[in-house]
Amino acid sequence: MNNEQPHNPLHGITLKVVVTKLVEHYGWEQLASIIDINCFKTNPSINSSLKFLRRTQWARDNVDKLYVSTFSNHTK
């Protein structure tokens, strides 16, 4: 099997890991101020955020970009 995404910094990292690390780094309040989505503002939880982000591509793209820019030196 070939490496299909050799230059993708998110390759092999689950959405749950992405959200968890962002919450640990920023906290829910700051995360909601950076990415304006209700799942980060109103009764935030990892599970509710995962459900929303899996259904909403623009929000997922923003979360992925923030993760890469925040942890670009150590993405795994």
N, C-alpha and C. Protein backbone atom coordinates (compact mmCIF):
# COMPACT_ATOMS: atom_id res chain seq x y z
N MET A 1 0.84 -1.19 0.00
CA MET A 1 0.00 0.00 0.00
C MET A 1 0.89 1.25 0.00
N ASN A 2 0.60 2.19 -0.85
CA ASN A 2 1.37 3.42 -0.95
C ASN A 2 0.92 4.42 0.10
N ASN A 3 1.83 5.32 0.49
CA ASN A 3 1.43 6.44 1.33
C ASN A 3 0.63 7.39 0.45
N GLU A 4 -0.66 7.45 0.69
CA GLU A 4 -1.52 8.26 -0.16
C GLU A 4 -1.42 9.75 0.15
N GLN A 5 -0.99 10.10 1.35
CA GLN A 5 -0.91 11.51 1.75
C GLN A 5 0.40 11.79 2.47
N PRO A 6 1.52 11.62 1.81
CA PRO A 6 2.80 11.75 2.51
C PRO A 6 3.08 13.15 3.05
N HIS A 7 2.46 14.18 2.50
CA HIS A 7 2.72 15.55 2.94
C HIS A 7 1.55 16.13 3.74
N ASN A 8 0.58 15.32 4.08
CA ASN A 8 -0.56 15.79 4.86
C ASN A 8 -0.20 15.73 6.34
N PRO A 9 -0.09 16.87 7.03
CA PRO A 9 0.31 16.86 8.44
C PRO A 9 -0.73 16.21 9.36
N LEU A 10 -1.95 16.02 8.87
CA LEU A 10 -3.00 15.40 9.67
C LEU A 10 -3.15 13.90 9.39
N HIS A 11 -2.35 13.37 8.48
CA HIS A 11 -2.46 11.97 8.13
C HIS A 11 -2.20 11.09 9.36
N GLY A 12 -3.15 10.23 9.66
CA GLY A 12 -3.02 9.33 10.80
C GLY A 12 -3.49 9.89 12.12
N ILE A 13 -3.94 11.14 12.14
CA ILE A 13 -4.41 11.77 13.37
C ILE A 13 -5.93 11.85 13.30
N THR A 14 -6.59 11.29 14.31
CA THR A 14 -8.06 11.27 14.31
C THR A 14 -8.62 12.64 14.69
N LEU A 15 -9.85 12.87 14.29
CA LEU A 15 -10.54 14.11 14.64
C LEU A 15 -10.64 14.24 16.16
N LYS A 16 -10.85 13.15 16.84
CA LYS A 16 -10.95 13.20 18.31
C LYS A 16 -9.64 13.70 18.93
N VAL A 17 -8.51 13.26 18.41
CA VAL A 17 -7.22 13.73 18.90
C VAL A 17 -7.06 15.22 18.60
N VAL A 18 -7.45 15.64 17.41
CA VAL A 18 -7.35 17.05 17.02
C VAL A 18 -8.13 17.93 17.99
N VAL A 19 -9.40 17.59 18.20
CA VAL A 19 -10.26 18.40 19.07
C VAL A 19 -9.74 18.36 20.51
N THR A 20 -9.38 17.21 21.00
CA THR A 20 -8.90 17.08 22.37
C THR A 20 -7.65 17.92 22.62
N LYS A 21 -6.71 17.87 21.70
CA LYS A 21 -5.48 18.65 21.87
C LYS A 21 -5.74 20.14 21.79
N LEU A 22 -6.65 20.55 20.90
CA LEU A 22 -6.99 21.98 20.82
C LEU A 22 -7.65 22.46 22.10
N VAL A 23 -8.55 21.65 22.66
CA VAL A 23 -9.21 22.02 23.91
C VAL A 23 -8.20 22.09 25.05
N GLU A 24 -7.30 21.14 25.11
CA GLU A 24 -6.26 21.16 26.15
C GLU A 24 -5.37 22.40 26.01
N HIS A 25 -5.09 22.78 24.79
CA HIS A 25 -4.18 23.91 24.54
C HIS A 25 -4.88 25.26 24.76
N TYR A 26 -6.08 25.43 24.20
CA TYR A 26 -6.76 26.72 24.23
C TYR A 26 -7.86 26.83 25.28
N GLY A 27 -8.52 25.73 25.60
CA GLY A 27 -9.72 25.78 26.42
C GLY A 27 -10.92 26.09 25.54
N TRP A 28 -12.11 25.75 26.02
CA TRP A 28 -13.32 25.92 25.20
C TRP A 28 -13.59 27.38 24.87
N GLU A 29 -13.43 28.26 25.85
CA GLU A 29 -13.76 29.68 25.63
C GLU A 29 -12.89 30.32 24.56
N GLN A 30 -11.61 30.11 24.65
CA GLN A 30 -10.70 30.69 23.65
C GLN A 30 -10.89 30.01 22.30
N LEU A 31 -11.13 28.72 22.30
CA LEU A 31 -11.37 28.00 21.05
C LEU A 31 -12.61 28.56 20.35
N ALA A 32 -13.65 28.84 21.13
CA ALA A 32 -14.88 29.41 20.56
C ALA A 32 -14.66 30.82 20.03
N SER A 33 -13.74 31.56 20.62
CA SER A 33 -13.46 32.90 20.11
C SER A 33 -12.64 32.86 18.82
N ILE A 34 -11.84 31.81 18.67
CA ILE A 34 -11.02 31.66 17.46
C ILE A 34 -11.87 31.11 16.31
N ILE A 35 -12.67 30.08 16.60
CA ILE A 35 -13.55 29.47 15.60
C ILE A 35 -14.98 29.60 16.11
N ASP A 36 -15.73 30.45 15.49
CA ASP A 36 -17.07 30.82 15.97
C ASP A 36 -18.11 29.77 15.57
N ILE A 37 -18.19 28.69 16.37
CA ILE A 37 -19.21 27.67 16.15
C ILE A 37 -19.84 27.32 17.50
N ASN A 38 -21.14 27.08 17.48
CA ASN A 38 -21.89 26.88 18.71
C ASN A 38 -21.45 25.66 19.51
N CYS A 39 -20.97 24.62 18.87
CA CYS A 39 -20.56 23.43 19.62
C CYS A 39 -19.37 23.72 20.53
N PHE A 40 -18.67 24.82 20.30
CA PHE A 40 -17.58 25.23 21.19
C PHE A 40 -18.07 26.23 22.25
N LYS A 41 -19.28 26.78 22.05
CA LYS A 41 -19.80 27.84 22.93
C LYS A 41 -20.81 27.34 23.95
N THR A 42 -21.80 26.59 23.49
CA THR A 42 -22.93 26.19 24.32
C THR A 42 -22.78 24.75 24.76
N ASN A 43 -22.60 24.54 26.06
CA ASN A 43 -22.41 23.20 26.62
C ASN A 43 -21.41 22.38 25.82
N PRO A 44 -20.19 22.88 25.67
CA PRO A 44 -19.22 22.19 24.82
C PRO A 44 -18.79 20.84 25.41
N SER A 45 -18.60 19.90 24.52
CA SER A 45 -18.04 18.60 24.88
C SER A 45 -17.33 18.05 23.66
N ILE A 46 -16.43 17.12 23.91
CA ILE A 46 -15.71 16.50 22.80
C ILE A 46 -16.71 15.79 21.88
N ASN A 47 -17.62 15.02 22.46
CA ASN A 47 -18.55 14.23 21.63
C ASN A 47 -19.47 15.10 20.79
N SER A 48 -20.02 16.18 21.37
CA SER A 48 -20.90 17.04 20.57
C SER A 48 -20.12 17.74 19.47
N SER A 49 -18.89 18.11 19.77
CA SER A 49 -18.05 18.76 18.76
C SER A 49 -17.72 17.80 17.63
N LEU A 50 -17.39 16.56 17.97
CA LEU A 50 -17.08 15.56 16.94
C LEU A 50 -18.28 15.34 16.02
N LYS A 51 -19.45 15.23 16.61
CA LYS A 51 -20.67 15.00 15.81
C LYS A 51 -20.88 16.15 14.83
N PHE A 52 -20.76 17.38 15.31
CA PHE A 52 -20.96 18.55 14.44
C PHE A 52 -19.87 18.62 13.36
N LEU A 53 -18.63 18.45 13.75
CA LEU A 53 -17.52 18.60 12.80
C LEU A 53 -17.53 17.52 11.72
N ARG A 54 -18.03 16.34 12.05
CA ARG A 54 -18.11 15.29 11.03
C ARG A 54 -19.18 15.58 9.99
N ARG A 55 -20.15 16.41 10.33
CA ARG A 55 -21.23 16.75 9.41
C ARG A 55 -21.03 18.08 8.70
N THR A 56 -20.09 18.90 9.16
CA THR A 56 -19.97 20.28 8.69
C THR A 56 -18.55 20.53 8.20
N GLN A 57 -18.35 20.43 6.90
CA GLN A 57 -17.01 20.46 6.32
C GLN A 57 -16.29 21.79 6.56
N TRP A 58 -16.98 22.93 6.43
CA TRP A 58 -16.30 24.22 6.61
C TRP A 58 -15.75 24.35 8.03
N ALA A 59 -16.50 23.86 9.01
CA ALA A 59 -16.04 23.93 10.40
C ALA A 59 -14.86 22.98 10.61
N ARG A 60 -14.96 21.80 10.04
CA ARG A 60 -13.86 20.83 10.13
C ARG A 60 -12.59 21.40 9.51
N ASP A 61 -12.72 22.05 8.36
CA ASP A 61 -11.56 22.66 7.71
C ASP A 61 -10.90 23.69 8.62
N ASN A 62 -11.71 24.51 9.28
CA ASN A 62 -11.17 25.53 10.18
C ASN A 62 -10.46 24.91 11.39
N VAL A 63 -11.03 23.85 11.93
CA VAL A 63 -10.42 23.15 13.06
C VAL A 63 -9.10 22.51 12.62
N ASP A 64 -9.11 21.88 11.47
CA ASP A 64 -7.87 21.26 10.95
C ASP A 64 -6.78 22.31 10.75
N LYS A 65 -7.13 23.46 10.17
CA LYS A 65 -6.15 24.53 9.93
C LYS A 65 -5.57 25.05 11.25
N LEU A 66 -6.45 25.23 12.25
CA LEU A 66 -5.98 25.70 13.54
C LEU A 66 -5.04 24.69 14.18
N TYR A 67 -5.37 23.42 14.10
CA TYR A 67 -4.52 22.37 14.66
C TYR A 67 -3.14 22.40 14.00
N VAL A 68 -3.11 22.45 12.68
CA VAL A 68 -1.83 22.45 11.96
C VAL A 68 -1.02 23.68 12.32
N SER A 69 -1.66 24.85 12.36
CA SER A 69 -0.91 26.06 12.68
C SER A 69 -0.44 26.09 14.14
N THR A 70 -1.20 25.48 15.02
CA THR A 70 -0.83 25.46 16.44
C THR A 70 0.27 24.45 16.74
N PHE A 71 0.16 23.27 16.14
CA PHE A 71 1.08 22.18 16.46
C PHE A 71 1.96 21.80 15.27
N SER A 72 2.32 22.74 14.44
CA SER A 72 3.05 22.43 13.21
C SER A 72 4.43 21.79 13.47
N ASN A 73 5.02 22.03 14.62
CA ASN A 73 6.33 21.45 14.91
C ASN A 73 6.25 20.02 15.42
N HIS A 74 5.08 19.65 15.97
CA HIS A 74 4.92 18.30 16.52
C HIS A 74 3.48 17.87 16.35
N THR A 75 3.11 17.43 15.14
CA THR A 75 1.73 17.09 14.84
C THR A 75 1.32 15.72 15.32
N LYS A 76 2.22 14.87 15.76
CA LYS A 76 1.82 13.53 16.23
C LYS A 76 2.09 13.38 17.69
